Each structure stands twice: as structure tokens, then as C-alpha cells.
Amino acid sequence: MRVLVSAIRDVRSSLADADESAIIEDMANLQLDENEARVVAELLGSAISDLGYEIANTDSADYRDGLKSKKATAAAVLKRLEEASA
């Protein structure tokens, strides 16, 4: 058990020391095959639709603003995905 805890601490430490820009760059270079891109696009479309409903039905202005931001980000990613697939 101590070895596992030590290993987890080492991983956390390594991640904390990692260059954040390199991590972001790796995430930006995600490659999807045609089927994967279609599935991700469908999921984003569904999430965008769900966010619209949630935005309309929330009473908290701060929460609504956060949801609007998420919806805009998801829509931008979906647009880029669709443009790359065209």
C-alpha cells in the first residue's frame, strides 16, 4: 500500500511539474478517424442542445453565464470539427 501511495505522489508531482503548454499542444493535436469524428460531433450537438434547455431553465445568473460560455465553446469546437471533416 505504501508503494502505491508513493507512486501516486510521484505521478502527481510529475504532472504538477509538467509544462502546461506542452500538455495543451498535445490535446490540440488529437486525430480522429471518420467514425470517431462523427460520434464526437453527435455528442457535441446533443450537449449543445441540452445546454440550451438548461440555460433557459436556470434561475442563477452566474450559473447561466457559465452555461452560456460552455455552450459557445462546444459550438466553436463542433464548427471546427465539421470544417475539418468537410
N, C-alpha and C. Protein backbone atom coordinates (compact mmCIF):
# COMPACT_ATOMS: atom_id res chain seq x y z
N MET A 1 0.82 -1.19 0.00
CA MET A 1 0.00 0.00 0.00
C MET A 1 0.86 1.26 0.00
N ARG A 2 1.94 1.25 0.78
CA ARG A 2 2.83 2.42 0.83
C ARG A 2 3.46 2.68 -0.52
N VAL A 3 3.79 1.61 -1.25
CA VAL A 3 4.39 1.77 -2.58
C VAL A 3 3.40 2.44 -3.52
N LEU A 4 2.14 2.04 -3.46
CA LEU A 4 1.11 2.63 -4.30
C LEU A 4 0.93 4.11 -3.98
N VAL A 5 0.87 4.45 -2.72
CA VAL A 5 0.71 5.84 -2.31
C VAL A 5 1.91 6.66 -2.78
N SER A 6 3.10 6.10 -2.65
CA SER A 6 4.31 6.78 -3.09
C SER A 6 4.28 6.99 -4.61
N ALA A 7 3.84 5.98 -5.35
CA ALA A 7 3.77 6.09 -6.80
C ALA A 7 2.77 7.16 -7.22
N ILE A 8 1.65 7.23 -6.53
CA ILE A 8 0.65 8.25 -6.83
C ILE A 8 1.22 9.64 -6.57
N ARG A 9 1.93 9.80 -5.47
CA ARG A 9 2.56 11.10 -5.17
C ARG A 9 3.57 11.47 -6.25
N ASP A 10 4.35 10.49 -6.70
CA ASP A 10 5.34 10.76 -7.75
C ASP A 10 4.67 11.21 -9.04
N VAL A 11 3.57 10.55 -9.40
CA VAL A 11 2.84 10.93 -10.61
C VAL A 11 2.27 12.33 -10.47
N ARG A 12 1.66 12.63 -9.33
CA ARG A 12 1.11 13.97 -9.10
C ARG A 12 2.20 15.02 -9.19
N SER A 13 3.34 14.73 -8.61
CA SER A 13 4.46 15.67 -8.64
C SER A 13 4.93 15.89 -10.07
N SER A 14 5.03 14.81 -10.82
CA SER A 14 5.46 14.91 -12.21
C SER A 14 4.47 15.73 -13.04
N LEU A 15 3.20 15.50 -12.81
CA LEU A 15 2.17 16.25 -13.54
C LEU A 15 2.20 17.72 -13.16
N ALA A 16 2.43 18.00 -11.90
CA ALA A 16 2.49 19.38 -11.45
C ALA A 16 3.67 20.10 -12.07
N ASP A 17 4.77 19.37 -12.31
CA ASP A 17 5.96 19.97 -12.89
C ASP A 17 5.92 20.02 -14.41
N ALA A 18 4.98 19.35 -15.02
CA ALA A 18 4.92 19.27 -16.48
C ALA A 18 4.65 20.65 -17.07
N ASP A 19 5.18 20.85 -18.25
CA ASP A 19 4.98 22.10 -18.96
C ASP A 19 3.54 22.14 -19.47
N GLU A 20 2.74 23.03 -18.92
CA GLU A 20 1.32 23.10 -19.27
C GLU A 20 1.10 23.35 -20.75
N SER A 21 1.93 24.16 -21.38
CA SER A 21 1.74 24.45 -22.80
C SER A 21 1.97 23.19 -23.64
N ALA A 22 2.88 22.32 -23.23
CA ALA A 22 3.10 21.07 -23.96
C ALA A 22 1.89 20.16 -23.84
N ILE A 23 1.27 20.13 -22.67
CA ILE A 23 0.07 19.32 -22.48
C ILE A 23 -1.05 19.84 -23.36
N ILE A 24 -1.23 21.15 -23.40
CA ILE A 24 -2.27 21.75 -24.23
C ILE A 24 -1.99 21.47 -25.69
N GLU A 25 -0.74 21.56 -26.12
CA GLU A 25 -0.40 21.30 -27.51
C GLU A 25 -0.73 19.86 -27.89
N ASP A 26 -0.44 18.92 -27.00
CA ASP A 26 -0.78 17.53 -27.28
C ASP A 26 -2.29 17.35 -27.43
N MET A 27 -3.06 18.03 -26.61
CA MET A 27 -4.51 17.93 -26.70
C MET A 27 -5.01 18.54 -28.00
N ALA A 28 -4.35 19.58 -28.49
CA ALA A 28 -4.78 20.25 -29.71
C ALA A 28 -4.52 19.40 -30.94
N ASN A 29 -3.69 18.40 -30.84
CA ASN A 29 -3.34 17.58 -31.98
C ASN A 29 -4.04 16.23 -31.99
N LEU A 30 -5.20 16.17 -31.43
CA LEU A 30 -5.98 14.93 -31.40
C LEU A 30 -6.41 14.58 -32.82
N GLN A 31 -6.14 13.35 -33.22
CA GLN A 31 -6.54 12.89 -34.54
C GLN A 31 -7.64 11.86 -34.41
N LEU A 32 -8.70 12.07 -35.19
CA LEU A 32 -9.86 11.18 -35.14
C LEU A 32 -10.08 10.59 -36.52
N ASP A 33 -10.51 9.32 -36.56
CA ASP A 33 -10.91 8.77 -37.84
C ASP A 33 -12.33 9.27 -38.13
N GLU A 34 -12.84 8.92 -39.30
CA GLU A 34 -14.15 9.43 -39.73
C GLU A 34 -15.27 9.07 -38.75
N ASN A 35 -15.28 7.84 -38.29
CA ASN A 35 -16.32 7.40 -37.35
C ASN A 35 -16.19 8.13 -36.02
N GLU A 36 -14.99 8.26 -35.51
CA GLU A 36 -14.78 8.97 -34.24
C GLU A 36 -15.22 10.42 -34.35
N ALA A 37 -14.88 11.07 -35.45
CA ALA A 37 -15.28 12.47 -35.65
C ALA A 37 -16.80 12.60 -35.69
N ARG A 38 -17.46 11.63 -36.34
CA ARG A 38 -18.93 11.67 -36.42
C ARG A 38 -19.54 11.52 -35.03
N VAL A 39 -19.02 10.59 -34.25
CA VAL A 39 -19.55 10.36 -32.90
C VAL A 39 -19.32 11.59 -32.02
N VAL A 40 -18.13 12.17 -32.07
CA VAL A 40 -17.84 13.36 -31.26
C VAL A 40 -18.76 14.50 -31.69
N ALA A 41 -18.98 14.67 -32.98
CA ALA A 41 -19.88 15.72 -33.47
C ALA A 41 -21.30 15.50 -32.97
N GLU A 42 -21.77 14.27 -32.99
CA GLU A 42 -23.12 13.96 -32.49
C GLU A 42 -23.22 14.26 -31.00
N LEU A 43 -22.20 13.88 -30.24
CA LEU A 43 -22.21 14.13 -28.80
C LEU A 43 -22.18 15.62 -28.49
N LEU A 44 -21.36 16.36 -29.24
CA LEU A 44 -21.32 17.81 -29.03
C LEU A 44 -22.66 18.45 -29.37
N GLY A 45 -23.25 18.02 -30.47
CA GLY A 45 -24.56 18.56 -30.85
C GLY A 45 -25.61 18.31 -29.78
N SER A 46 -25.60 17.12 -29.22
CA SER A 46 -26.53 16.78 -28.16
C SER A 46 -26.27 17.61 -26.90
N ALA A 47 -25.00 17.77 -26.57
CA ALA A 47 -24.64 18.56 -25.38
C ALA A 47 -25.05 20.02 -25.57
N ILE A 48 -24.86 20.55 -26.77
CA ILE A 48 -25.24 21.94 -27.05
C ILE A 48 -26.75 22.11 -26.88
N SER A 49 -27.50 21.15 -27.40
CA SER A 49 -28.95 21.20 -27.25
C SER A 49 -29.36 21.14 -25.78
N ASP A 50 -28.75 20.24 -25.03
CA ASP A 50 -29.06 20.11 -23.60
C ASP A 50 -28.71 21.39 -22.85
N LEU A 51 -27.60 22.01 -23.21
CA LEU A 51 -27.20 23.25 -22.54
C LEU A 51 -28.22 24.36 -22.80
N GLY A 52 -28.75 24.40 -24.02
CA GLY A 52 -29.77 25.41 -24.33
C GLY A 52 -30.98 25.28 -23.42
N TYR A 53 -31.41 24.05 -23.20
CA TYR A 53 -32.53 23.79 -22.30
C TYR A 53 -32.18 24.20 -20.87
N GLU A 54 -30.98 23.83 -20.44
CA GLU A 54 -30.58 24.14 -19.07
C GLU A 54 -30.43 25.64 -18.86
N ILE A 55 -29.91 26.35 -19.87
CA ILE A 55 -29.77 27.80 -19.79
C ILE A 55 -31.14 28.45 -19.61
N ALA A 56 -32.10 27.97 -20.38
CA ALA A 56 -33.43 28.55 -20.33
C ALA A 56 -34.15 28.29 -19.00
N ASN A 57 -33.73 27.25 -18.30
CA ASN A 57 -34.45 26.86 -17.10
C ASN A 57 -33.69 27.07 -15.80
N THR A 58 -32.63 27.85 -15.83
CA THR A 58 -31.90 28.11 -14.58
C THR A 58 -32.24 29.50 -14.07
N ASP A 59 -32.26 29.64 -12.76
CA ASP A 59 -32.59 30.92 -12.14
C ASP A 59 -31.35 31.74 -11.78
N SER A 60 -30.21 31.10 -11.67
CA SER A 60 -28.99 31.77 -11.26
C SER A 60 -28.29 32.41 -12.46
N ALA A 61 -28.12 33.72 -12.40
CA ALA A 61 -27.47 34.44 -13.49
C ALA A 61 -26.02 33.99 -13.68
N ASP A 62 -25.31 33.78 -12.59
CA ASP A 62 -23.91 33.35 -12.69
C ASP A 62 -23.82 31.96 -13.32
N TYR A 63 -24.68 31.06 -12.88
CA TYR A 63 -24.69 29.71 -13.44
C TYR A 63 -25.07 29.75 -14.92
N ARG A 64 -26.05 30.58 -15.26
CA ARG A 64 -26.49 30.73 -16.65
C ARG A 64 -25.34 31.23 -17.51
N ASP A 65 -24.59 32.21 -17.01
CA ASP A 65 -23.45 32.74 -17.77
C ASP A 65 -22.40 31.65 -18.01
N GLY A 66 -22.15 30.84 -16.99
CA GLY A 66 -21.20 29.73 -17.15
C GLY A 66 -21.67 28.73 -18.20
N LEU A 67 -22.96 28.43 -18.18
CA LEU A 67 -23.52 27.51 -19.17
C LEU A 67 -23.43 28.09 -20.58
N LYS A 68 -23.68 29.39 -20.69
CA LYS A 68 -23.58 30.04 -22.00
C LYS A 68 -22.15 29.96 -22.53
N SER A 69 -21.20 30.14 -21.64
CA SER A 69 -19.80 30.04 -22.04
C SER A 69 -19.46 28.62 -22.51
N LYS A 70 -19.93 27.63 -21.77
CA LYS A 70 -19.70 26.24 -22.17
C LYS A 70 -20.35 25.95 -23.52
N LYS A 71 -21.56 26.46 -23.71
CA LYS A 71 -22.27 26.22 -24.96
C LYS A 71 -21.52 26.86 -26.13
N ALA A 72 -21.02 28.07 -25.94
CA ALA A 72 -20.27 28.75 -27.00
C ALA A 72 -18.98 27.99 -27.33
N THR A 73 -18.31 27.50 -26.31
CA THR A 73 -17.08 26.73 -26.53
C THR A 73 -17.39 25.44 -27.27
N ALA A 74 -18.43 24.73 -26.85
CA ALA A 74 -18.80 23.48 -27.52
C ALA A 74 -19.19 23.74 -28.97
N ALA A 75 -19.91 24.83 -29.22
CA ALA A 75 -20.31 25.17 -30.59
C ALA A 75 -19.09 25.50 -31.46
N ALA A 76 -18.12 26.18 -30.89
CA ALA A 76 -16.90 26.50 -31.64
C ALA A 76 -16.12 25.24 -31.97
N VAL A 77 -16.03 24.32 -31.02
CA VAL A 77 -15.33 23.06 -31.28
C VAL A 77 -16.07 22.25 -32.34
N LEU A 78 -17.39 22.22 -32.26
CA LEU A 78 -18.19 21.50 -33.25
C LEU A 78 -17.98 22.09 -34.64
N LYS A 79 -17.96 23.41 -34.74
CA LYS A 79 -17.75 24.07 -36.03
C LYS A 79 -16.39 23.69 -36.60
N ARG A 80 -15.35 23.72 -35.76
CA ARG A 80 -14.01 23.35 -36.23
C ARG A 80 -13.98 21.89 -36.67
N LEU A 81 -14.64 21.04 -35.94
CA LEU A 81 -14.69 19.62 -36.28
C LEU A 81 -15.38 19.42 -37.63
N GLU A 82 -16.49 20.12 -37.83
CA GLU A 82 -17.23 20.00 -39.08
C GLU A 82 -16.43 20.55 -40.25
N GLU A 83 -15.71 21.66 -40.04
CA GLU A 83 -14.89 22.23 -41.09
C GLU A 83 -13.74 21.29 -41.46
N ALA A 84 -13.15 20.64 -40.47
CA ALA A 84 -12.05 19.72 -40.73
C ALA A 84 -12.53 18.46 -41.44
N SER A 85 -13.78 18.10 -41.22
CA SER A 85 -14.34 16.89 -41.84
C SER A 85 -14.83 17.13 -43.26
N ALA A 86 -14.99 18.40 -43.63
CA ALA A 86 -15.55 18.73 -44.96
C ALA A 86 -14.55 18.54 -46.08
